[in-house]
């Protein structure tokens, strides 16, 4: 859990940095997003247990520079997440509902009045509460880590943009188990590789224009 606490400190620092960027921005883009993520990982439970996940997320996105001709942009995605997970040893799928928070720090490598291409590091936090469990059993999964994001913002007009983002992230995962019937609780550690695709639509405030 020491490693998990270190990652939490990194996440808090990144969010504070991003919020400072938002507070100082002259104009931002706001809008909804949909994201699909495919993950493979391992959970250290009585020997390594491999698993696969599908993650579907919807939520709200904020970006400090969707169209402006500036090098740096910060994007925050916050939303609801549904996940199904299958262990390679077989058995039933595990379903969960939770929260996803993704911070992206982009650098505009190509910028015109029609499109902005950017790439940069990202930091993600997920929390998932498993459903359809036996009575007395509660399991909450936590994931935190970072990676790289690549994005393209295609401007559809003076105040709108469609944004496509591809990402890879390496996550530390923890499964917190509490079984009141058997008086058992434990935290299981693991790792996950996550590849994601995100599509967003941004409504840009008047100051978020290429010439400004």
Protein backbone atom coordinates (compact mmCIF):
# COMPACT_ATOMS: atom_id res chain seq x y z
CA UNK A 1 0.00 0.00 0.00
CA UNK A 2 3.00 2.33 0.31
CA UNK A 3 3.28 2.41 -3.48
CA UNK A 4 -0.43 3.17 -3.73
CA UNK A 5 -0.12 6.13 -1.33
CA UNK A 6 2.77 7.49 -3.39
CA UNK A 7 0.66 7.31 -6.53
CA UNK A 8 -2.20 9.09 -4.74
CA UNK A 9 0.16 11.94 -3.84
CA UNK A 10 1.22 12.19 -7.49
CA UNK A 11 -2.43 12.25 -8.56
CA UNK A 12 -3.36 14.98 -6.07
CA UNK A 13 -0.40 17.05 -7.25
CA UNK A 14 -1.36 16.64 -10.90
CA UNK A 15 -4.99 17.61 -10.24
CA UNK A 16 -3.92 20.72 -8.30
CA UNK A 17 -1.57 21.67 -11.11
CA UNK A 18 -4.33 21.19 -13.65
CA UNK A 19 -6.84 23.20 -11.63
CA UNK A 20 -4.34 26.04 -11.44
CA UNK A 21 -4.08 25.92 -15.23
CA UNK A 22 -7.88 26.03 -15.51
CA UNK A 23 -8.17 28.96 -13.14
CA UNK A 24 -5.61 30.95 -15.15
CA UNK A 25 -6.98 30.07 -18.58
CA UNK A 26 -8.55 32.88 -20.60
CA UNK A 27 -10.86 30.43 -22.33
CA UNK A 28 -11.65 26.75 -22.15
CA UNK A 29 -13.61 24.04 -23.94
CA UNK A 30 -16.35 22.10 -22.15
CA UNK A 31 -18.33 19.07 -23.20
CA UNK A 32 -19.28 15.39 -22.90
CA UNK A 33 -17.08 12.38 -23.64
CA UNK A 34 -17.38 8.64 -24.24
CA UNK A 35 -14.44 6.30 -23.68
CA UNK A 36 -13.72 2.62 -24.21
CA UNK A 37 -10.76 0.99 -22.51
CA UNK A 38 -9.31 -2.50 -22.89
CA UNK A 39 -7.05 -3.76 -20.13
CA UNK A 40 -4.95 -6.82 -19.35
CA UNK A 41 -3.39 -7.34 -15.97
CA UNK A 42 -2.42 -9.58 -13.12
CA UNK A 43 -3.65 -9.80 -9.52
CA UNK A 44 -1.31 -11.23 -6.89
CA UNK A 45 -3.75 -13.59 -5.20
CA UNK A 46 -2.51 -17.06 -4.23
CA UNK A 47 -0.13 -16.83 -7.18
CA UNK A 48 -0.53 -14.58 -10.17
CA UNK A 49 -4.09 -14.40 -11.55
CA UNK A 50 -4.31 -12.91 -15.07
CA UNK A 51 -7.42 -10.95 -16.03
CA UNK A 52 -8.95 -8.98 -18.90
CA UNK A 53 -11.22 -5.96 -18.59
CA UNK A 54 -13.54 -3.89 -20.74
CA UNK A 55 -14.26 -0.40 -19.44
CA UNK A 56 -16.97 1.96 -20.74
CA UNK A 57 -17.05 5.52 -19.46
CA UNK A 58 -19.14 8.63 -20.02
CA UNK A 59 -18.68 11.98 -18.43
CA UNK A 60 -17.61 15.59 -18.67
CA UNK A 61 -14.38 16.98 -20.13
CA UNK A 62 -12.61 20.32 -19.74
CA UNK A 63 -9.66 21.49 -21.88
CA UNK A 64 -7.68 24.71 -21.49
CA UNK A 65 -6.78 25.01 -25.19
CA UNK A 66 -8.94 23.11 -27.66
CA UNK A 67 -8.23 25.42 -30.61
CA UNK A 68 -5.97 28.26 -29.45
CA UNK A 69 -2.53 28.49 -31.03
CA UNK A 70 -0.65 27.76 -27.82
CA UNK A 71 1.82 25.00 -27.00
CA UNK A 72 0.36 23.64 -23.77
CA UNK A 73 -3.09 22.34 -22.90
CA UNK A 74 -4.46 20.56 -19.85
CA UNK A 75 -7.46 18.23 -20.17
CA UNK A 76 -9.52 16.76 -17.34
CA UNK A 77 -11.97 13.90 -17.92
CA UNK A 78 -14.29 13.01 -15.05
CA UNK A 79 -17.12 10.53 -15.34
CA UNK A 80 -19.02 7.36 -14.59
CA UNK A 81 -17.46 4.03 -15.54
CA UNK A 82 -18.90 0.55 -16.10
CA UNK A 83 -16.45 -2.37 -16.14
CA UNK A 84 -16.62 -6.11 -16.77
CA UNK A 85 -13.70 -8.29 -15.81
CA UNK A 86 -12.84 -11.93 -16.50
CA UNK A 87 -10.05 -13.96 -14.93
CA UNK A 88 -8.19 -16.37 -17.22
CA UNK A 89 -8.89 -19.20 -14.78
CA UNK A 90 -12.53 -19.06 -15.91
CA UNK A 91 -15.73 -18.49 -14.05
CA UNK A 92 -18.25 -15.67 -14.23
CA UNK A 93 -17.64 -12.12 -15.32
CA UNK A 94 -17.32 -9.56 -12.53
CA UNK A 95 -19.24 -6.34 -13.13
CA UNK A 96 -18.65 -3.04 -11.40
CA UNK A 97 -19.69 0.61 -11.40
CA UNK A 98 -17.44 3.45 -10.44
CA UNK A 99 -15.63 6.69 -11.13
CA UNK A 100 -12.86 7.52 -13.59
CA UNK A 101 -10.59 10.58 -13.45
CA UNK A 102 -8.02 11.17 -16.19
CA UNK A 103 -5.57 14.09 -16.32
CA UNK A 104 -3.76 14.81 -19.60
CA UNK A 105 -0.96 17.32 -20.13
CA UNK A 106 -0.70 17.99 -23.85
CA UNK A 107 1.79 19.72 -26.11
CA UNK A 108 0.44 20.91 -29.46
CA UNK A 109 2.84 19.51 -32.05
CA UNK A 110 0.70 20.63 -35.01
CA UNK A 111 -1.72 23.56 -34.87
CA UNK A 112 -3.89 25.13 -37.57
CA UNK A 113 -7.30 26.81 -37.72
CA UNK A 114 -8.79 23.41 -38.63
CA UNK A 115 -7.03 20.91 -36.38
CA UNK A 116 -4.81 20.61 -33.33
CA UNK A 117 -2.63 17.53 -32.82
CA UNK A 118 -1.12 17.06 -29.39
CA UNK A 119 0.60 14.48 -27.21
CA UNK A 120 1.79 14.28 -23.66
CA UNK A 121 1.76 12.43 -20.33
CA UNK A 122 -1.38 11.42 -18.47
CA UNK A 123 -2.35 10.36 -14.95
CA UNK A 124 -5.46 8.26 -14.25
CA UNK A 125 -7.44 7.20 -11.18
CA UNK A 126 -10.27 4.63 -11.22
CA UNK A 127 -12.45 3.32 -8.45
CA UNK A 128 -14.89 0.44 -9.02
CA UNK A 129 -17.47 -1.16 -6.72
CA UNK A 130 -18.26 -4.77 -7.67
CA UNK A 131 -21.91 -5.78 -7.91
CA UNK A 132 -23.90 -9.03 -7.66
CA UNK A 133 -21.73 -10.39 -4.86
CA UNK A 134 -22.87 -12.78 -2.11
CA UNK A 135 -24.42 -11.20 0.98
CA UNK A 136 -21.81 -9.80 3.36
CA UNK A 137 -19.07 -9.59 0.72
CA UNK A 138 -17.90 -6.16 -0.45
CA UNK A 139 -15.11 -5.60 -2.97
CA UNK A 140 -13.79 -2.20 -4.12
CA UNK A 141 -11.10 -1.99 -6.78
CA UNK A 142 -8.75 0.97 -7.04
CA UNK A 143 -6.42 1.79 -9.91
CA UNK A 144 -3.89 4.57 -10.34
CA UNK A 145 -1.08 5.12 -12.81
CA UNK A 146 0.14 7.02 -15.82
CA UNK A 147 1.15 6.84 -19.43
CA UNK A 148 0.96 8.69 -22.73
CA UNK A 149 -1.94 10.27 -24.63
CA UNK A 150 -2.20 11.29 -28.30
CA UNK A 151 -5.05 13.54 -29.39
CA UNK A 152 -6.58 15.27 -32.40
CA UNK A 153 -9.05 18.17 -32.08
CA UNK A 154 -11.01 18.76 -35.29
CA UNK A 155 -12.76 22.15 -35.30
CA UNK A 156 -16.31 21.97 -36.65
CA UNK A 157 -17.01 25.69 -36.43
CA UNK A 158 -16.17 28.86 -34.56
CA UNK A 159 -17.26 27.43 -31.19
CA UNK A 160 -17.20 23.62 -31.54
CA UNK A 161 -14.63 20.83 -31.87
CA UNK A 162 -14.67 17.03 -32.04
CA UNK A 163 -11.75 15.48 -30.16
CA UNK A 164 -10.29 11.99 -30.55
CA UNK A 165 -7.79 10.67 -28.00
CA UNK A 166 -5.79 7.44 -27.88
CA UNK A 167 -3.96 6.48 -24.70
CA UNK A 168 -1.81 3.85 -23.04
CA UNK A 169 -1.39 3.71 -19.27
CA UNK A 170 0.27 1.38 -16.79
CA UNK A 171 -1.76 1.12 -13.59
CA UNK A 172 -1.20 -0.12 -10.07
CA UNK A 173 -4.41 -1.84 -8.95
CA UNK A 174 -5.63 -2.80 -5.50
CA UNK A 175 -8.64 -4.97 -4.71
CA UNK A 176 -9.99 -4.23 -1.21
CA UNK A 177 -11.99 -7.23 0.08
CA UNK A 178 -14.29 -7.16 3.12
CA UNK A 179 -16.24 -10.31 4.00
CA UNK A 180 -18.30 -9.72 7.14
CA UNK A 181 -19.74 -13.24 7.17
CA UNK A 182 -16.30 -14.85 7.54
CA UNK A 183 -14.70 -11.89 9.37
CA UNK A 184 -12.09 -11.52 6.62
CA UNK A 185 -10.56 -8.47 5.02
CA UNK A 186 -7.51 -8.05 2.81
CA UNK A 187 -6.01 -5.90 0.07
CA UNK A 188 -4.78 -7.67 -3.07
CA UNK A 189 -2.19 -5.92 -5.22
CA UNK A 190 -1.81 -6.09 -8.98
CA UNK A 191 -0.82 -4.38 -12.23
CA UNK A 192 -2.68 -3.52 -15.41
CA UNK A 193 -1.93 -2.31 -18.95
CA UNK A 194 -4.80 -0.15 -20.25
CA UNK A 195 -5.36 1.02 -23.84
CA UNK A 196 -8.17 3.53 -24.35
CA UNK A 197 -10.01 5.42 -27.07
CA UNK A 198 -11.94 8.58 -26.22
CA UNK A 199 -14.25 10.79 -28.27
CA UNK A 200 -15.39 14.17 -26.95
CA UNK A 201 -17.29 17.15 -28.23
CA UNK A 202 -16.18 20.53 -26.92
CA UNK A 203 -18.20 23.72 -26.83
CA UNK A 204 -15.50 26.35 -26.84
CA UNK A 205 -15.83 29.65 -25.04
CA UNK A 206 -15.40 32.69 -27.31
CA UNK A 207 -11.75 33.17 -26.35
CA UNK A 208 -10.73 29.67 -27.48
CA UNK A 209 -9.99 30.54 -31.11
CA UNK A 210 -6.90 29.79 -33.21
CA UNK A 211 -5.95 33.42 -33.67
CA UNK A 212 -6.09 34.25 -29.95
